[in-house]
N, C-alpha and C. Protein backbone atom coordinates (compact mmCIF):
# COMPACT_ATOMS: atom_id res chain seq x y z
N MET A 1 53.74 147.90 17.41
CA MET A 1 54.64 146.83 17.84
C MET A 1 53.99 146.06 18.96
N SER A 2 53.86 144.76 18.76
CA SER A 2 53.18 143.96 19.79
C SER A 2 54.19 143.44 20.80
N SER A 3 53.71 143.26 21.98
CA SER A 3 54.56 142.72 23.05
C SER A 3 53.98 141.40 23.53
N HIS A 4 54.86 140.54 23.96
CA HIS A 4 54.44 139.23 24.47
C HIS A 4 54.77 139.16 25.96
N ALA A 5 53.77 138.74 26.72
CA ALA A 5 53.98 138.62 28.17
C ALA A 5 54.92 137.47 28.47
N ALA A 6 55.75 137.67 29.48
CA ALA A 6 56.67 136.60 29.91
C ALA A 6 55.87 135.44 30.48
N PRO A 7 56.36 134.21 30.34
CA PRO A 7 55.66 133.06 30.88
C PRO A 7 55.43 133.21 32.38
N SER A 8 54.26 132.78 32.80
CA SER A 8 53.90 132.89 34.22
C SER A 8 54.75 131.95 35.06
N ARG A 9 55.20 132.43 36.20
CA ARG A 9 55.95 131.62 37.16
C ARG A 9 55.31 131.70 38.54
N SER A 10 53.98 131.69 38.55
CA SER A 10 53.27 131.81 39.82
C SER A 10 53.30 130.52 40.63
N PHE A 11 53.64 129.39 39.97
CA PHE A 11 53.64 128.10 40.67
C PHE A 11 55.03 127.89 41.26
N ARG A 12 55.28 128.55 42.36
CA ARG A 12 56.61 128.54 42.96
C ARG A 12 56.66 127.59 44.15
N GLY A 13 57.78 127.63 44.86
CA GLY A 13 57.91 126.84 46.07
C GLY A 13 58.44 125.45 45.79
N LEU A 14 58.01 124.49 46.60
CA LEU A 14 58.53 123.14 46.51
C LEU A 14 58.19 122.46 45.20
N PHE A 15 57.08 122.87 44.54
CA PHE A 15 56.63 122.20 43.34
C PHE A 15 57.12 122.87 42.06
N ALA A 16 57.86 123.96 42.17
CA ALA A 16 58.31 124.68 40.98
C ALA A 16 59.24 123.80 40.15
N ASN A 17 59.04 123.83 38.84
CA ASN A 17 59.89 123.10 37.89
C ASN A 17 59.91 121.60 38.13
N ARG A 18 58.86 121.05 38.69
CA ARG A 18 58.75 119.61 38.92
C ARG A 18 57.69 119.02 37.99
N SER A 19 57.92 117.78 37.58
CA SER A 19 56.91 117.08 36.80
C SER A 19 55.77 116.65 37.71
N TRP A 20 54.64 116.26 37.09
CA TRP A 20 53.52 115.79 37.90
C TRP A 20 53.89 114.53 38.68
N MET A 21 54.71 113.67 38.09
CA MET A 21 55.12 112.46 38.81
C MET A 21 55.96 112.80 40.03
N ASP A 22 56.86 113.79 39.91
CA ASP A 22 57.65 114.23 41.06
C ASP A 22 56.75 114.76 42.17
N ARG A 23 55.72 115.51 41.78
CA ARG A 23 54.82 116.08 42.78
C ARG A 23 54.04 114.98 43.51
N ILE A 24 53.64 113.96 42.76
CA ILE A 24 52.90 112.85 43.38
C ILE A 24 53.80 112.11 44.37
N TYR A 25 55.06 111.83 43.99
CA TYR A 25 55.97 111.14 44.89
C TYR A 25 56.26 111.98 46.14
N PHE A 26 56.38 113.31 45.95
CA PHE A 26 56.63 114.18 47.09
C PHE A 26 55.47 114.14 48.07
N LEU A 27 54.24 114.25 47.56
CA LEU A 27 53.07 114.19 48.42
C LEU A 27 52.94 112.83 49.09
N LYS A 28 53.27 111.77 48.38
CA LYS A 28 53.23 110.44 48.97
C LYS A 28 54.21 110.33 50.14
N SER A 29 55.41 110.88 49.98
CA SER A 29 56.40 110.86 51.07
C SER A 29 55.91 111.61 52.29
N LEU A 30 55.28 112.77 52.06
CA LEU A 30 54.73 113.53 53.18
C LEU A 30 53.65 112.75 53.91
N LEU A 31 52.78 112.07 53.16
CA LEU A 31 51.71 111.28 53.78
C LEU A 31 52.28 110.13 54.60
N ILE A 32 53.31 109.45 54.07
CA ILE A 32 53.93 108.35 54.82
C ILE A 32 54.56 108.87 56.09
N TRP A 33 55.28 109.98 55.99
CA TRP A 33 55.90 110.57 57.19
C TRP A 33 54.86 110.92 58.23
N ALA A 34 53.75 111.54 57.80
CA ALA A 34 52.69 111.91 58.74
C ALA A 34 52.06 110.67 59.38
N ALA A 35 51.88 109.60 58.60
CA ALA A 35 51.28 108.38 59.13
C ALA A 35 52.19 107.74 60.19
N VAL A 36 53.51 107.72 59.93
CA VAL A 36 54.45 107.16 60.91
C VAL A 36 54.42 107.96 62.20
N ARG A 37 54.44 109.28 62.08
CA ARG A 37 54.39 110.12 63.28
C ARG A 37 53.12 109.90 64.06
N LEU A 38 52.00 109.72 63.35
CA LEU A 38 50.72 109.52 64.02
C LEU A 38 50.66 108.16 64.71
N LEU A 39 51.13 107.11 64.03
CA LEU A 39 51.01 105.76 64.57
C LEU A 39 51.99 105.48 65.70
N TYR A 40 53.21 106.06 65.61
CA TYR A 40 54.26 105.69 66.55
C TYR A 40 54.70 106.83 67.46
N HIS A 41 53.88 107.87 67.58
CA HIS A 41 54.30 109.00 68.40
C HIS A 41 54.46 108.61 69.87
N ASP A 42 53.71 107.58 70.32
CA ASP A 42 53.80 107.17 71.72
C ASP A 42 54.93 106.17 71.95
N LEU A 43 55.58 105.71 70.88
CA LEU A 43 56.65 104.74 71.02
C LEU A 43 58.03 105.34 70.83
N LEU A 44 58.12 106.34 69.99
CA LEU A 44 59.43 106.87 69.62
C LEU A 44 59.58 108.32 70.07
N GLU A 45 60.71 108.58 70.70
CA GLU A 45 61.03 109.95 71.06
C GLU A 45 62.43 110.24 70.56
N PHE A 46 62.55 110.94 69.43
CA PHE A 46 63.84 111.23 68.84
C PHE A 46 64.23 112.66 69.17
N ARG A 47 65.43 112.82 69.72
CA ARG A 47 65.92 114.14 70.08
C ARG A 47 67.14 114.44 69.25
N GLY A 48 67.09 115.54 68.48
CA GLY A 48 68.26 116.00 67.76
C GLY A 48 68.54 115.30 66.44
N LEU A 49 67.61 114.47 65.97
CA LEU A 49 67.83 113.83 64.68
C LEU A 49 67.55 114.81 63.54
N PRO A 50 68.45 114.94 62.58
CA PRO A 50 68.15 115.79 61.43
C PRO A 50 66.91 115.30 60.70
N ILE A 51 66.10 116.20 60.23
CA ILE A 51 64.82 115.83 59.61
C ILE A 51 65.01 115.05 58.33
N CYS A 52 66.19 115.16 57.73
CA CYS A 52 66.40 114.48 56.45
C CYS A 52 66.68 112.99 56.61
N LEU A 53 66.92 112.52 57.82
CA LEU A 53 67.24 111.12 58.01
C LEU A 53 66.00 110.25 57.89
N SER A 54 66.18 109.01 57.44
CA SER A 54 65.08 108.08 57.33
C SER A 54 64.62 107.66 58.72
N LEU A 55 63.31 107.57 58.88
CA LEU A 55 62.78 107.05 60.13
C LEU A 55 62.96 105.55 60.17
N PRO A 56 63.21 104.98 61.34
CA PRO A 56 63.34 103.52 61.43
C PRO A 56 62.00 102.84 61.21
N ILE A 57 62.07 101.57 60.86
CA ILE A 57 60.87 100.75 60.72
C ILE A 57 60.59 100.12 62.07
N VAL A 58 59.42 100.36 62.63
CA VAL A 58 59.06 99.85 63.95
C VAL A 58 58.05 98.72 63.78
N ARG A 59 58.39 97.55 64.33
CA ARG A 59 57.50 96.41 64.26
C ARG A 59 57.00 96.10 65.67
N GLY A 60 55.66 96.04 65.82
CA GLY A 60 55.08 95.88 67.14
C GLY A 60 54.86 97.23 67.80
N ARG A 61 54.02 97.23 68.83
CA ARG A 61 53.66 98.49 69.49
C ARG A 61 53.96 98.50 70.98
N ASN A 62 54.45 97.39 71.51
CA ASN A 62 54.60 97.29 72.96
C ASN A 62 56.02 97.64 73.38
N GLY A 63 56.37 98.92 73.25
CA GLY A 63 57.71 99.32 73.62
C GLY A 63 57.92 100.81 73.53
N PHE A 64 59.12 101.23 73.94
CA PHE A 64 59.47 102.65 73.95
C PHE A 64 60.93 102.80 73.53
N ALA A 65 61.22 103.80 72.71
CA ALA A 65 62.58 104.05 72.25
C ALA A 65 62.95 105.52 72.44
N ARG A 66 64.20 105.75 72.82
CA ARG A 66 64.73 107.12 72.91
C ARG A 66 66.13 107.13 72.31
N VAL A 67 66.39 108.09 71.44
CA VAL A 67 67.69 108.23 70.79
C VAL A 67 68.25 109.62 71.10
N GLY A 68 69.52 109.69 71.47
CA GLY A 68 70.14 110.96 71.81
C GLY A 68 70.46 111.80 70.59
N SER A 69 71.17 112.88 70.80
CA SER A 69 71.47 113.83 69.74
C SER A 69 72.61 113.35 68.85
N GLY A 70 72.66 113.90 67.64
CA GLY A 70 73.75 113.62 66.72
C GLY A 70 73.71 112.25 66.10
N ALA A 71 72.53 111.63 66.04
CA ALA A 71 72.43 110.28 65.48
C ALA A 71 72.51 110.32 63.96
N ARG A 72 73.09 109.26 63.37
CA ARG A 72 73.16 109.10 61.91
C ARG A 72 72.65 107.71 61.58
N ILE A 73 71.54 107.66 60.87
CA ILE A 73 70.94 106.39 60.47
C ILE A 73 71.07 106.29 58.96
N LEU A 74 72.01 105.49 58.50
CA LEU A 74 72.32 105.40 57.08
C LEU A 74 71.75 104.10 56.53
N GLY A 75 70.56 104.17 55.99
CA GLY A 75 69.92 102.98 55.45
C GLY A 75 68.83 102.46 56.36
N ARG A 76 68.51 101.20 56.20
CA ARG A 76 67.38 100.57 56.87
C ARG A 76 67.75 100.23 58.32
N LEU A 77 66.93 100.68 59.25
CA LEU A 77 67.05 100.33 60.66
C LEU A 77 65.69 99.84 61.15
N GLU A 78 65.65 98.62 61.71
CA GLU A 78 64.40 98.07 62.24
C GLU A 78 64.48 98.00 63.76
N ILE A 79 63.35 98.34 64.40
CA ILE A 79 63.20 98.22 65.85
C ILE A 79 62.02 97.31 66.11
N HIS A 80 62.22 96.25 66.90
CA HIS A 80 61.17 95.26 67.13
C HIS A 80 60.67 95.32 68.57
N PHE A 81 59.38 95.63 68.72
CA PHE A 81 58.69 95.55 70.00
C PHE A 81 57.57 94.52 69.86
N THR A 82 57.93 93.29 69.60
CA THR A 82 56.94 92.31 69.16
C THR A 82 56.46 91.38 70.26
N ASP A 83 56.88 91.59 71.51
CA ASP A 83 56.35 90.78 72.60
C ASP A 83 55.04 91.40 73.08
N PRO A 84 53.91 90.69 72.96
CA PRO A 84 52.61 91.29 73.33
C PRO A 84 52.39 91.40 74.83
N THR A 85 53.19 90.69 75.63
CA THR A 85 52.94 90.66 77.08
C THR A 85 53.88 91.55 77.87
N CYS A 86 55.09 91.79 77.38
CA CYS A 86 56.08 92.60 78.11
C CYS A 86 56.50 93.79 77.26
N ARG A 87 56.58 94.95 77.90
CA ARG A 87 56.95 96.18 77.21
C ARG A 87 58.47 96.27 77.08
N GLY A 88 58.95 96.40 75.86
CA GLY A 88 60.38 96.52 75.63
C GLY A 88 60.84 97.97 75.71
N SER A 89 62.14 98.16 75.90
CA SER A 89 62.68 99.53 75.94
C SER A 89 64.02 99.57 75.22
N LEU A 90 64.22 100.67 74.50
CA LEU A 90 65.45 100.92 73.76
C LEU A 90 65.92 102.32 74.08
N GLU A 91 67.10 102.44 74.69
CA GLU A 91 67.66 103.75 75.03
C GLU A 91 69.06 103.85 74.46
N ILE A 92 69.27 104.88 73.64
CA ILE A 92 70.54 105.07 72.94
C ILE A 92 71.07 106.47 73.26
N GLY A 93 72.37 106.56 73.57
CA GLY A 93 72.98 107.84 73.89
C GLY A 93 73.27 108.68 72.67
N ASP A 94 74.09 109.70 72.85
CA ASP A 94 74.44 110.62 71.77
C ASP A 94 75.43 109.97 70.80
N GLY A 95 75.42 110.48 69.56
CA GLY A 95 76.42 110.07 68.58
C GLY A 95 76.21 108.67 68.03
N PHE A 96 74.98 108.20 68.00
CA PHE A 96 74.67 106.87 67.45
C PHE A 96 74.86 106.87 65.93
N HIS A 97 75.53 105.82 65.41
CA HIS A 97 75.77 105.70 63.96
C HIS A 97 75.40 104.29 63.54
N SER A 98 74.40 104.19 62.67
CA SER A 98 73.90 102.90 62.21
C SER A 98 74.03 102.78 60.71
N GLU A 99 74.62 101.66 60.25
CA GLU A 99 74.70 101.37 58.83
C GLU A 99 73.44 100.64 58.37
N ASN A 100 73.39 100.23 57.12
CA ASN A 100 72.19 99.65 56.54
C ASN A 100 71.92 98.24 57.08
N GLY A 101 70.63 97.90 57.26
CA GLY A 101 70.23 96.54 57.60
C GLY A 101 70.37 96.17 59.06
N VAL A 102 70.45 97.14 59.95
CA VAL A 102 70.60 96.87 61.39
C VAL A 102 69.24 96.59 62.01
N THR A 103 69.20 95.61 62.94
CA THR A 103 67.98 95.32 63.69
C THR A 103 68.26 95.42 65.19
N LEU A 104 67.48 96.25 65.86
CA LEU A 104 67.52 96.37 67.32
C LEU A 104 66.19 95.83 67.84
N ALA A 105 66.24 94.73 68.60
CA ALA A 105 65.01 94.01 68.96
C ALA A 105 64.92 93.81 70.46
N PRO A 106 64.38 94.80 71.20
CA PRO A 106 64.16 94.57 72.63
C PRO A 106 63.17 93.44 72.90
N ARG A 107 62.11 93.35 72.12
CA ARG A 107 61.14 92.25 72.19
C ARG A 107 60.74 91.92 73.63
N GLY A 108 60.38 92.93 74.40
CA GLY A 108 59.98 92.71 75.78
C GLY A 108 61.11 92.86 76.78
N GLY A 109 62.35 92.97 76.31
CA GLY A 109 63.50 93.17 77.18
C GLY A 109 64.02 94.60 77.10
N ARG A 110 65.30 94.80 77.45
CA ARG A 110 65.91 96.12 77.46
C ARG A 110 67.19 96.11 76.62
N ILE A 111 67.34 97.13 75.81
CA ILE A 111 68.60 97.40 75.13
C ILE A 111 69.03 98.80 75.53
N GLU A 112 70.20 98.88 76.14
CA GLU A 112 70.74 100.17 76.60
C GLU A 112 72.10 100.38 75.96
N ILE A 113 72.24 101.48 75.21
CA ILE A 113 73.46 101.75 74.45
C ILE A 113 73.99 103.12 74.86
N GLY A 114 75.29 103.20 75.12
CA GLY A 114 75.90 104.45 75.54
C GLY A 114 76.18 105.39 74.38
N ASN A 115 77.06 106.35 74.62
CA ASN A 115 77.38 107.37 73.62
C ASN A 115 78.39 106.83 72.60
N ASN A 116 78.32 107.41 71.39
CA ASN A 116 79.29 107.15 70.32
C ASN A 116 79.36 105.67 69.95
N PHE A 117 78.20 105.10 69.70
CA PHE A 117 78.12 103.69 69.31
C PHE A 117 78.02 103.59 67.80
N PHE A 118 78.89 102.76 67.20
CA PHE A 118 78.83 102.48 65.77
C PHE A 118 78.42 101.04 65.57
N VAL A 119 77.41 100.81 64.71
CA VAL A 119 76.97 99.45 64.42
C VAL A 119 76.94 99.26 62.90
N GLY A 120 77.64 98.23 62.43
CA GLY A 120 77.80 97.99 61.01
C GLY A 120 76.63 97.27 60.37
N LYS A 121 76.74 97.06 59.07
CA LYS A 121 75.65 96.52 58.27
C LYS A 121 75.20 95.15 58.75
N ASP A 122 73.88 94.95 58.71
CA ASP A 122 73.25 93.65 58.95
C ASP A 122 73.55 93.07 60.33
N SER A 123 73.79 93.92 61.30
CA SER A 123 74.00 93.45 62.67
C SER A 123 72.66 93.30 63.40
N LEU A 124 72.65 92.41 64.41
CA LEU A 124 71.45 92.15 65.20
C LEU A 124 71.78 92.24 66.68
N ILE A 125 70.99 93.04 67.40
CA ILE A 125 71.07 93.11 68.86
C ILE A 125 69.68 92.80 69.38
N GLN A 126 69.57 91.77 70.23
CA GLN A 126 68.24 91.30 70.62
C GLN A 126 68.21 90.89 72.09
N ALA A 127 67.12 91.21 72.75
CA ALA A 127 66.86 90.75 74.11
C ALA A 127 65.46 90.17 74.14
N THR A 128 65.12 89.56 75.27
CA THR A 128 63.77 89.02 75.42
C THR A 128 63.23 89.42 76.78
N SER A 129 62.00 89.05 77.08
CA SER A 129 61.37 89.42 78.33
C SER A 129 62.24 89.03 79.52
N GLY A 130 62.54 90.00 80.39
CA GLY A 130 63.37 89.75 81.56
C GLY A 130 64.85 89.77 81.29
N SER A 131 65.26 90.02 80.04
CA SER A 131 66.66 90.02 79.68
C SER A 131 67.08 91.41 79.20
N PHE A 132 68.38 91.55 78.89
CA PHE A 132 68.89 92.87 78.50
C PHE A 132 70.16 92.72 77.69
N VAL A 133 70.47 93.76 76.92
CA VAL A 133 71.80 93.97 76.33
C VAL A 133 72.23 95.37 76.73
N SER A 134 73.35 95.46 77.44
CA SER A 134 73.87 96.74 77.91
C SER A 134 75.22 97.00 77.25
N ILE A 135 75.36 98.16 76.60
CA ILE A 135 76.58 98.51 75.87
C ILE A 135 77.08 99.86 76.37
N GLY A 136 78.37 99.95 76.66
CA GLY A 136 78.95 101.18 77.19
C GLY A 136 79.21 102.23 76.12
N ASN A 137 80.13 103.13 76.41
CA ASN A 137 80.46 104.23 75.51
C ASN A 137 81.59 103.84 74.55
N ASP A 138 81.59 104.47 73.37
CA ASP A 138 82.69 104.34 72.41
C ASP A 138 82.91 102.88 71.98
N VAL A 139 81.82 102.22 71.65
CA VAL A 139 81.86 100.81 71.25
C VAL A 139 81.63 100.71 69.74
N MET A 140 82.35 99.77 69.10
CA MET A 140 82.20 99.53 67.66
C MET A 140 81.72 98.10 67.41
N PHE A 141 80.64 97.96 66.66
CA PHE A 141 80.21 96.68 66.11
C PHE A 141 80.47 96.73 64.61
N ALA A 142 81.25 95.81 64.08
CA ALA A 142 81.46 95.76 62.64
C ALA A 142 80.26 95.10 61.96
N ASN A 143 80.40 94.79 60.67
CA ASN A 143 79.28 94.21 59.92
C ASN A 143 78.90 92.82 60.43
N MET A 144 77.60 92.55 60.43
CA MET A 144 77.05 91.22 60.71
C MET A 144 77.44 90.69 62.09
N VAL A 145 77.48 91.54 63.07
CA VAL A 145 77.67 91.11 64.46
C VAL A 145 76.32 90.70 65.04
N THR A 146 76.30 89.64 65.84
CA THR A 146 75.08 89.16 66.48
C THR A 146 75.27 89.14 67.98
N ALA A 147 74.39 89.82 68.70
CA ALA A 147 74.38 89.80 70.17
C ALA A 147 72.95 89.50 70.60
N VAL A 148 72.68 88.26 70.97
CA VAL A 148 71.32 87.82 71.28
C VAL A 148 71.27 87.33 72.72
N ALA A 149 70.55 88.05 73.56
CA ALA A 149 70.46 87.73 74.98
C ALA A 149 69.22 86.89 75.27
N CYS A 150 69.11 85.76 74.59
CA CYS A 150 68.01 84.84 74.85
C CYS A 150 68.28 83.50 74.19
N ASN A 151 67.62 82.48 74.69
CA ASN A 151 67.69 81.14 74.12
C ASN A 151 66.34 80.46 74.28
N HIS A 152 66.00 79.58 73.35
CA HIS A 152 64.82 78.75 73.54
C HIS A 152 65.13 77.66 74.56
N SER A 153 64.14 77.35 75.39
CA SER A 153 64.28 76.23 76.30
C SER A 153 64.31 74.94 75.50
N THR A 154 65.10 73.98 75.98
CA THR A 154 65.20 72.67 75.32
C THR A 154 64.89 71.54 76.29
N ALA A 155 64.30 71.87 77.45
CA ALA A 155 64.12 70.89 78.53
C ALA A 155 63.17 69.76 78.15
N SER A 156 62.13 70.08 77.41
CA SER A 156 61.12 69.09 77.08
C SER A 156 61.38 68.49 75.70
N THR A 157 61.34 67.16 75.63
CA THR A 157 61.44 66.50 74.33
C THR A 157 60.07 66.22 73.73
N ALA A 158 59.02 66.44 74.54
CA ALA A 158 57.66 66.21 74.06
C ALA A 158 57.09 67.43 73.33
N THR A 159 57.71 68.59 73.57
CA THR A 159 57.24 69.84 72.96
C THR A 159 58.30 70.36 72.00
N PRO A 160 57.93 70.68 70.76
CA PRO A 160 58.93 71.24 69.84
C PRO A 160 59.61 72.47 70.45
N MET A 161 60.89 72.59 70.22
CA MET A 161 61.65 73.68 70.83
C MET A 161 61.12 75.05 70.44
N ILE A 162 60.56 75.17 69.23
CA ILE A 162 60.04 76.46 68.79
C ILE A 162 58.86 76.91 69.65
N ARG A 163 58.19 75.96 70.34
CA ARG A 163 57.06 76.30 71.19
C ARG A 163 57.44 76.45 72.66
N GLN A 164 58.66 76.17 72.98
CA GLN A 164 59.11 76.30 74.37
C GLN A 164 59.51 77.75 74.65
N PRO A 165 59.40 78.19 75.90
CA PRO A 165 59.63 79.61 76.21
C PRO A 165 61.08 80.04 76.00
N GLU A 166 61.24 81.32 75.70
CA GLU A 166 62.57 81.92 75.60
C GLU A 166 62.98 82.47 76.96
N ARG A 167 64.24 82.30 77.27
CA ARG A 167 64.78 82.85 78.52
C ARG A 167 66.13 83.49 78.22
N GLY A 168 66.48 84.52 79.00
CA GLY A 168 67.75 85.18 78.79
C GLY A 168 68.36 85.68 80.07
N LYS A 169 69.70 85.61 80.17
CA LYS A 169 70.43 86.12 81.34
C LYS A 169 70.91 87.55 81.11
N GLY A 170 71.14 87.90 79.85
CA GLY A 170 71.62 89.24 79.54
C GLY A 170 73.04 89.24 79.02
N ILE A 171 73.38 90.28 78.27
CA ILE A 171 74.73 90.49 77.76
C ILE A 171 75.19 91.88 78.18
N ARG A 172 76.38 91.95 78.74
CA ARG A 172 76.91 93.24 79.19
C ARG A 172 78.24 93.50 78.49
N ILE A 173 78.34 94.66 77.83
CA ILE A 173 79.54 95.06 77.09
C ILE A 173 80.04 96.37 77.66
N GLY A 174 81.31 96.43 78.01
CA GLY A 174 81.88 97.63 78.59
C GLY A 174 82.11 98.73 77.57
N SER A 175 82.96 99.69 77.92
CA SER A 175 83.27 100.81 77.04
C SER A 175 84.57 100.54 76.27
N ASP A 176 84.75 101.26 75.15
CA ASP A 176 85.94 101.15 74.33
C ASP A 176 86.17 99.70 73.88
N VAL A 177 85.11 99.08 73.37
CA VAL A 177 85.16 97.69 72.93
C VAL A 177 84.98 97.64 71.41
N TRP A 178 85.71 96.73 70.76
CA TRP A 178 85.60 96.52 69.32
C TRP A 178 85.18 95.08 69.08
N ILE A 179 84.01 94.91 68.47
CA ILE A 179 83.51 93.59 68.08
C ILE A 179 83.63 93.51 66.56
N ALA A 180 84.50 92.65 66.06
CA ALA A 180 84.79 92.61 64.63
C ALA A 180 83.71 91.83 63.87
N ALA A 181 83.82 91.83 62.54
CA ALA A 181 82.77 91.33 61.66
C ALA A 181 82.44 89.86 61.92
N HIS A 182 81.15 89.54 61.84
CA HIS A 182 80.62 88.18 61.94
C HIS A 182 80.79 87.56 63.33
N ALA A 183 81.19 88.33 64.32
CA ALA A 183 81.30 87.78 65.67
C ALA A 183 79.92 87.53 66.26
N VAL A 184 79.84 86.56 67.18
CA VAL A 184 78.59 86.20 67.84
C VAL A 184 78.82 86.26 69.34
N LEU A 185 77.96 87.03 70.03
CA LEU A 185 77.99 87.10 71.49
C LEU A 185 76.79 86.33 72.02
N THR A 186 77.03 85.28 72.77
CA THR A 186 75.93 84.45 73.26
C THR A 186 75.40 84.97 74.59
N ASP A 187 74.22 84.51 74.95
CA ASP A 187 73.55 84.97 76.16
C ASP A 187 74.39 84.69 77.40
N GLY A 188 74.41 85.66 78.32
CA GLY A 188 75.07 85.49 79.60
C GLY A 188 76.50 85.97 79.67
N VAL A 189 77.09 86.45 78.57
CA VAL A 189 78.50 86.83 78.60
C VAL A 189 78.66 88.31 78.96
N GLU A 190 79.85 88.61 79.49
CA GLU A 190 80.26 89.98 79.77
C GLU A 190 81.57 90.25 79.04
N ILE A 191 81.63 91.41 78.37
CA ILE A 191 82.84 91.83 77.65
C ILE A 191 83.41 93.02 78.41
N GLY A 192 84.64 92.88 78.91
CA GLY A 192 85.24 93.94 79.71
C GLY A 192 85.65 95.15 78.91
N ASN A 193 85.91 96.24 79.60
CA ASN A 193 86.34 97.49 78.96
C ASN A 193 87.61 97.26 78.13
N GLY A 194 87.66 97.88 76.96
CA GLY A 194 88.87 97.84 76.15
C GLY A 194 89.15 96.54 75.44
N ALA A 195 88.22 95.59 75.46
CA ALA A 195 88.45 94.28 74.85
C ALA A 195 88.25 94.33 73.34
N VAL A 196 88.83 93.34 72.66
CA VAL A 196 88.67 93.18 71.21
C VAL A 196 88.22 91.75 70.94
N VAL A 197 87.13 91.61 70.18
CA VAL A 197 86.64 90.29 69.76
C VAL A 197 86.91 90.18 68.27
N ALA A 198 87.72 89.19 67.87
CA ALA A 198 88.16 89.07 66.49
C ALA A 198 87.02 88.63 65.58
N ALA A 199 87.21 88.82 64.29
CA ALA A 199 86.20 88.47 63.29
C ALA A 199 85.87 86.98 63.36
N GLY A 200 84.57 86.67 63.31
CA GLY A 200 84.12 85.30 63.28
C GLY A 200 84.15 84.58 64.62
N ALA A 201 84.54 85.26 65.69
CA ALA A 201 84.60 84.61 67.00
C ALA A 201 83.21 84.36 67.55
N VAL A 202 83.07 83.28 68.32
CA VAL A 202 81.83 82.98 69.03
C VAL A 202 82.14 83.03 70.52
N VAL A 203 81.64 84.06 71.19
CA VAL A 203 81.97 84.30 72.59
C VAL A 203 80.96 83.56 73.46
N THR A 204 81.44 82.59 74.23
CA THR A 204 80.58 81.78 75.08
C THR A 204 80.88 81.95 76.56
N LYS A 205 81.94 82.70 76.88
CA LYS A 205 82.28 82.97 78.28
C LYS A 205 82.80 84.40 78.40
N ASN A 206 82.92 84.88 79.62
CA ASN A 206 83.28 86.28 79.86
C ASN A 206 84.67 86.60 79.28
N VAL A 207 84.80 87.84 78.84
CA VAL A 207 86.07 88.35 78.30
C VAL A 207 86.57 89.44 79.23
N THR A 208 87.77 89.30 79.73
CA THR A 208 88.31 90.25 80.70
C THR A 208 88.74 91.55 80.01
N GLU A 209 88.96 92.58 80.81
CA GLU A 209 89.34 93.89 80.28
C GLU A 209 90.61 93.81 79.43
N PHE A 210 90.60 94.50 78.31
CA PHE A 210 91.74 94.67 77.40
C PHE A 210 92.19 93.35 76.75
N SER A 211 91.42 92.28 76.90
CA SER A 211 91.77 91.01 76.26
C SER A 211 91.45 91.06 74.77
N ILE A 212 92.20 90.28 73.99
CA ILE A 212 91.92 90.05 72.58
C ILE A 212 91.56 88.58 72.43
N VAL A 213 90.34 88.30 71.96
CA VAL A 213 89.89 86.91 71.86
C VAL A 213 89.54 86.58 70.42
N ALA A 214 89.68 85.29 70.08
CA ALA A 214 89.39 84.83 68.72
C ALA A 214 89.02 83.36 68.78
N GLY A 215 88.36 82.88 67.72
CA GLY A 215 88.10 81.46 67.59
C GLY A 215 86.70 81.04 67.95
N VAL A 216 86.42 79.73 67.78
CA VAL A 216 85.12 79.15 68.08
C VAL A 216 85.35 77.91 68.94
N PRO A 217 85.04 77.94 70.23
CA PRO A 217 84.63 79.14 70.98
C PRO A 217 85.81 80.08 71.18
N ALA A 218 85.52 81.32 71.50
CA ALA A 218 86.56 82.34 71.60
C ALA A 218 87.50 82.07 72.77
N GLN A 219 88.80 82.23 72.48
CA GLN A 219 89.84 82.08 73.51
C GLN A 219 90.75 83.31 73.44
N GLN A 220 91.38 83.64 74.56
CA GLN A 220 92.27 84.80 74.58
C GLN A 220 93.53 84.50 73.80
N ILE A 221 93.86 85.44 72.89
CA ILE A 221 95.09 85.28 72.09
C ILE A 221 96.07 86.43 72.32
N GLY A 222 95.66 87.41 73.10
CA GLY A 222 96.53 88.55 73.37
C GLY A 222 95.88 89.50 74.35
N SER A 223 96.59 90.61 74.58
CA SER A 223 96.07 91.63 75.51
C SER A 223 96.54 93.00 75.07
N ARG A 224 95.65 93.97 75.26
CA ARG A 224 96.01 95.37 74.98
C ARG A 224 96.63 96.05 76.19
N ALA A 225 96.60 95.39 77.35
CA ALA A 225 97.11 95.99 78.57
C ALA A 225 98.63 96.06 78.54
N LYS A 226 99.19 97.09 79.16
CA LYS A 226 100.65 97.20 79.23
C LYS A 226 101.19 96.13 80.16
N PRO A 227 102.36 95.54 79.80
CA PRO A 227 102.94 94.49 80.64
C PRO A 227 103.40 95.04 81.99
């Protein structure tokens, strides 16, 4: 009576029961991850991020980023350090939650974000050299919010505006603030603690604590404060 040996299963581990194409894609992912760590190890310091999360896309090399524990990056996140003359900085507290298509662009300036910050899809937060965006704790940005702490100079009519220098005063946002979808925060404004900015609003002046503002330009339409 003849016996037949059982099929060999010596090829175990991560590659077991995988096609050759799966193995190639797996190795390619490992190489990309290693290249990102090698190229940007001096720019990014991530603490407490689960290894399964996607790494952000970093554009430019003149900057530094730190992210606290418990971060969730769901989809594409871009970080821009594209100012060649000034070093940008990005500091984010614990509990950061980013949806797809978010861009954080210090670009030679500072972006400082507190704990438990939620930022929705396709939002942009940007500063420039000498400028900043400061965000407190427990703040929500809905989809497509824009907070840009810079403007092109328009003083000269002889020079195209695109070639004139950018300048910024900064944007300061308190804690427990809700910025609804498609809102725009212009350079130089301050948003007080507990305020609400309605969808589509364009904020061109300071918003006091617990105010509810709406419109273009944004005006106060209510208050969360007790009478």
